[in-house]
Amino acid sequence: MRLALGMAGLAALSAMATAILAPPAPTVAEGTATTAGDAADPLPPASVRVRHVTRYVQLQPGQTAPPSSTVLATPKPAPTPTPKVVVKTRQSGTP
């Protein structure tokens, strides 16, 4: 029983390793013909939908972006000047 279980586990491991390391070759459906141009075409078929994911990351001071990323620099707004207020008072000391 142990030998049979061990052999079944080894066969399953071999099948999984083969599936991971050697992906299946593309197949052509029956009734369709391919030309030499179709085989060399690097574009996917028109029915394939591609989902693009855009991620935004805010870098902290001193951090650098990865080499493959695009960095959009947003300038900080200029600080608003604070007006100086000068108040002069006159105290005479008399009622």
C-alpha atoms as a PDB file:
ATOM      1  CA  MET A   1       0.000   0.000   0.000  1.00  0.00           C
ATOM      2  CA  ARG A   2       2.834   2.392   0.867  1.00  0.00           C
ATOM      3  CA  LEU A   3       4.591   1.579  -2.389  1.00  0.00           C
ATOM      4  CA  ALA A   4       1.447   2.255  -4.443  1.00  0.00           C
ATOM      5  CA  LEU A   5       0.813   5.531  -2.618  1.00  0.00           C
ATOM      6  CA  GLY A   6       4.435   6.602  -3.112  1.00  0.00           C
ATOM      7  CA  MET A   7       4.331   5.808  -6.839  1.00  0.00           C
ATOM      8  CA  ALA A   8       1.044   7.725  -7.243  1.00  0.00           C
ATOM      9  CA  GLY A   9       2.569  10.741  -5.494  1.00  0.00           C
ATOM     10  CA  LEU A  10       5.653  10.572  -7.710  1.00  0.00           C
ATOM     11  CA  ALA A  11       3.466  10.400 -10.836  1.00  0.00           C
ATOM     12  CA  ALA A  12       1.416  13.398  -9.676  1.00  0.00           C
ATOM     13  CA  LEU A  13       4.568  15.397  -8.912  1.00  0.00           C
ATOM     14  CA  SER A  14       5.970  14.560 -12.334  1.00  0.00           C
ATOM     15  CA  ALA A  15       2.742  15.636 -14.059  1.00  0.00           C
ATOM     16  CA  MET A  16       2.673  18.961 -12.190  1.00  0.00           C
ATOM     17  CA  ALA A  17       6.331  19.684 -12.947  1.00  0.00           C
ATOM     18  CA  THR A  18       5.763  18.943 -16.624  1.00  0.00           C
ATOM     19  CA  ALA A  19       2.720  21.231 -16.745  1.00  0.00           C
ATOM     20  CA  ILE A  20       4.622  24.087 -15.116  1.00  0.00           C
ATOM     21  CA  LEU A  21       7.897  23.794 -17.004  1.00  0.00           C
ATOM     22  CA  ALA A  22       6.592  22.924 -20.479  1.00  0.00           C
ATOM     23  CA  PRO A  23       3.489  24.930 -21.440  1.00  0.00           C
ATOM     24  CA  PRO A  24       1.307  23.341 -24.116  1.00  0.00           C
ATOM     25  CA  ALA A  25       1.976  24.180 -27.761  1.00  0.00           C
ATOM     26  CA  PRO A  26      -0.642  26.323 -29.540  1.00  0.00           C
ATOM     27  CA  THR A  27      -3.201  24.314 -31.453  1.00  0.00           C
ATOM     28  CA  VAL A  28      -5.128  25.133 -34.603  1.00  0.00           C
ATOM     29  CA  ALA A  29      -8.859  24.436 -34.642  1.00  0.00           C
ATOM     30  CA  GLU A  30     -10.141  22.080 -37.300  1.00  0.00           C
ATOM     31  CA  GLY A  31     -11.416  23.742 -40.458  1.00  0.00           C
ATOM     32  CA  THR A  32      -9.124  26.778 -40.175  1.00  0.00           C
ATOM     33  CA  ALA A  33      -5.994  27.250 -42.189  1.00  0.00           C
ATOM     34  CA  THR A  34      -2.990  29.314 -41.226  1.00  0.00           C
ATOM     35  CA  THR A  35      -0.617  31.107 -43.548  1.00  0.00           C
ATOM     36  CA  ALA A  36       3.020  31.939 -43.013  1.00  0.00           C
ATOM     37  CA  GLY A  37       2.026  35.495 -42.059  1.00  0.00           C
ATOM     38  CA  ASP A  38      -0.304  34.260 -39.317  1.00  0.00           C
ATOM     39  CA  ALA A  39       2.381  32.171 -37.629  1.00  0.00           C
ATOM     40  CA  ALA A  40       4.829  35.088 -37.450  1.00  0.00           C
ATOM     41  CA  ASP A  41       2.221  37.631 -36.324  1.00  0.00           C
ATOM     42  CA  PRO A  42       3.209  38.778 -32.800  1.00  0.00           C
ATOM     43  CA  LEU A  43      -0.156  40.427 -32.069  1.00  0.00           C
ATOM     44  CA  PRO A  44      -2.782  38.525 -30.083  1.00  0.00           C
ATOM     45  CA  PRO A  45      -6.155  37.766 -31.669  1.00  0.00           C
ATOM     46  CA  ALA A  46      -8.684  40.601 -31.688  1.00  0.00           C
ATOM     47  CA  SER A  47     -10.956  38.782 -29.228  1.00  0.00           C
ATOM     48  CA  VAL A  48      -8.424  38.969 -26.385  1.00  0.00           C
ATOM     49  CA  ARG A  49      -9.210  41.630 -23.802  1.00  0.00           C
ATOM     50  CA  VAL A  50      -6.272  43.222 -22.021  1.00  0.00           C
ATOM     51  CA  ARG A  51      -6.643  44.900 -18.659  1.00  0.00           C
ATOM     52  CA  HIS A  52      -4.097  47.622 -17.963  1.00  0.00           C
ATOM     53  CA  VAL A  53      -3.353  48.387 -14.335  1.00  0.00           C
ATOM     54  CA  THR A  54      -1.961  51.780 -13.364  1.00  0.00           C
ATOM     55  CA  ARG A  55      -0.555  52.221  -9.891  1.00  0.00           C
ATOM     56  CA  TYR A  56       0.312  55.525  -8.293  1.00  0.00           C
ATOM     57  CA  VAL A  57       2.915  55.735  -5.558  1.00  0.00           C
ATOM     58  CA  GLN A  58       3.934  58.823  -3.638  1.00  0.00           C
ATOM     59  CA  LEU A  59       7.672  58.863  -2.969  1.00  0.00           C
ATOM     60  CA  GLN A  60       8.960  60.136   0.332  1.00  0.00           C
ATOM     61  CA  PRO A  61      11.871  62.590   0.450  1.00  0.00           C
ATOM     62  CA  GLY A  62      15.091  60.731  -0.349  1.00  0.00           C
ATOM     63  CA  GLN A  63      13.376  57.830  -2.136  1.00  0.00           C
ATOM     64  CA  THR A  64      14.051  57.116  -5.806  1.00  0.00           C
ATOM     65  CA  ALA A  65      11.664  55.629  -8.342  1.00  0.00           C
ATOM     66  CA  PRO A  66      12.364  52.260 -10.006  1.00  0.00           C
ATOM     67  CA  PRO A  67      14.194  52.551 -13.348  1.00  0.00           C
ATOM     68  CA  SER A  68      11.225  51.326 -15.417  1.00  0.00           C
ATOM     69  CA  SER A  69       8.715  53.817 -13.967  1.00  0.00           C
ATOM     70  CA  THR A  70       7.568  57.194 -15.220  1.00  0.00           C
ATOM     71  CA  VAL A  71       7.867  59.967 -12.674  1.00  0.00           C
ATOM     72  CA  LEU A  72       5.407  62.845 -12.822  1.00  0.00           C
ATOM     73  CA  ALA A  73       6.673  65.728 -10.738  1.00  0.00           C
ATOM     74  CA  THR A  74       3.997  67.995  -9.339  1.00  0.00           C
ATOM     75  CA  PRO A  75       5.332  71.326  -8.128  1.00  0.00           C
ATOM     76  CA  LYS A  76       4.379  72.408  -4.652  1.00  0.00           C
ATOM     77  CA  PRO A  77       2.265  75.557  -4.510  1.00  0.00           C
ATOM     78  CA  ALA A  78       4.093  78.723  -3.530  1.00  0.00           C
ATOM     79  CA  PRO A  79       3.435  79.742   0.066  1.00  0.00           C
ATOM     80  CA  THR A  80       1.114  82.700   0.480  1.00  0.00           C
ATOM     81  CA  PRO A  81       2.847  85.691   2.034  1.00  0.00           C
ATOM     82  CA  THR A  82       1.537  86.782   5.415  1.00  0.00           C
ATOM     83  CA  PRO A  83       1.030  90.526   5.637  1.00  0.00           C
ATOM     84  CA  LYS A  84       2.746  92.448   8.394  1.00  0.00           C
ATOM     85  CA  VAL A  85       0.391  94.322  10.665  1.00  0.00           C
ATOM     86  CA  VAL A  86       1.794  97.280  12.547  1.00  0.00           C
ATOM     87  CA  VAL A  87      -0.361  98.716  15.300  1.00  0.00           C
ATOM     88  CA  LYS A  88       0.548 102.016  16.897  1.00  0.00           C
ATOM     89  CA  THR A  89      -1.213 103.055  20.056  1.00  0.00           C
ATOM     90  CA  ARG A  90      -1.101 106.245  21.955  1.00  0.00           C
ATOM     91  CA  GLN A  91      -1.658 106.154  25.655  1.00  0.00           C
ATOM     92  CA  SER A  92      -1.655 109.540  27.227  1.00  0.00           C
ATOM     93  CA  GLY A  93      -2.128 108.450  30.777  1.00  0.00           C
ATOM     94  CA  THR A  94      -4.787 111.079  31.344  1.00  0.00           C
ATOM     95  CA  PRO A  95      -8.471 110.229  31.772  1.00  0.00           C
END
